[in-house]
C-alpha cells in the first residue's frame, strides 16, 4: 500500500507536530461526545493546537526577503 497522499500532506506541513496535535484534539472531541472526557481537555488541546498551528505557519521565524543589504554596489 502506498501512502503518497499522506506523505505529501505531511511534507507540506513541514513538521509532524500539527498532525499529531490534531489527532489528539479530535480524539478528545470524540471521547467528549461519548461522555468519556471532560470538555476542559478539549478546550485545552484546542488552545495548544491553535498555538502550534499558528507558530508553524507564522512568518516570524522565517528569514526576511529584504535583509536590508544593498546588492547594487
Protein backbone atom coordinates (compact mmCIF):
# COMPACT_ATOMS: atom_id res chain seq x y z
CA UNK A 1 0.00 0.00 0.00
CA UNK A 2 1.38 3.39 -0.95
CA UNK A 3 0.93 6.43 1.23
CA UNK A 4 1.82 9.10 -1.32
CA UNK A 5 -1.06 11.40 -0.38
CA UNK A 6 -0.28 11.18 3.34
CA UNK A 7 3.40 11.77 2.67
CA UNK A 8 2.63 14.82 0.52
CA UNK A 9 0.35 16.28 3.20
CA UNK A 10 2.87 15.71 5.99
CA UNK A 11 5.68 17.11 3.86
CA UNK A 12 3.57 20.20 3.18
CA UNK A 13 3.13 20.63 6.94
CA UNK A 14 6.96 20.62 7.23
CA UNK A 15 6.55 19.27 10.73
CA UNK A 16 4.70 16.38 12.30
CA UNK A 17 3.60 18.40 15.35
CA UNK A 18 0.49 19.82 13.70
CA UNK A 19 -0.97 16.47 12.53
CA UNK A 20 -0.12 14.83 15.87
CA UNK A 21 -1.81 17.62 17.83
CA UNK A 22 -4.85 17.50 15.57
CA UNK A 23 -5.09 13.75 16.17
CA UNK A 24 -5.05 14.33 19.94
CA UNK A 25 -7.63 17.11 19.62
CA UNK A 26 -10.07 15.10 17.50
CA UNK A 27 -9.63 12.05 19.72
CA UNK A 28 -10.58 14.25 22.66
CA UNK A 29 -13.60 15.56 20.78
CA UNK A 30 -14.83 12.04 20.05
CA UNK A 31 -14.31 10.99 23.67
CA UNK A 32 -16.13 14.11 24.88
CA UNK A 33 -19.07 13.37 22.59
CA UNK A 34 -19.43 9.94 24.16
CA UNK A 35 -19.14 11.44 27.68
CA UNK A 36 -15.79 9.78 28.39
CA UNK A 37 -13.82 13.01 28.67
CA UNK A 38 -14.37 16.42 30.20
CA UNK A 39 -14.78 19.37 27.82
CA UNK A 40 -11.98 21.25 29.59
CA UNK A 41 -9.47 18.85 28.00
CA UNK A 42 -10.94 19.51 24.57
CA UNK A 43 -10.70 23.27 25.18
CA UNK A 44 -7.11 22.93 26.41
CA UNK A 45 -5.99 20.90 23.41
CA UNK A 46 -7.78 23.38 21.13
CA UNK A 47 -5.66 26.17 22.57
CA UNK A 48 -2.48 24.12 22.24
CA UNK A 49 -3.29 23.09 18.67
CA UNK A 50 -4.05 26.72 17.80
CA UNK A 51 -0.74 27.85 19.23
CA UNK A 52 1.28 25.16 17.47
CA UNK A 53 -0.52 25.72 14.18
CA UNK A 54 -0.04 29.47 14.42
CA UNK A 55 3.62 29.02 15.22
CA UNK A 56 4.17 26.51 12.42
CA UNK A 57 2.68 28.75 9.74
CA UNK A 58 3.85 32.08 11.14
CA UNK A 59 6.29 34.15 9.14
CA UNK A 60 8.04 35.26 12.34
CA UNK A 61 10.69 32.54 12.22
CA UNK A 62 11.40 32.78 8.52
CA UNK A 63 14.18 34.98 7.14
CA UNK A 64 13.11 38.27 5.61
CA UNK A 65 13.05 38.53 1.85
CA UNK A 66 14.57 42.00 2.16
CA UNK A 67 17.52 41.76 4.52
CA UNK A 68 18.30 45.44 4.22
CA UNK A 69 21.53 44.91 2.33
CA UNK A 70 22.09 46.82 -0.87
CA UNK A 71 23.41 44.42 -3.53
CA UNK A 72 23.66 47.10 -6.25
CA UNK A 73 27.23 48.14 -5.28
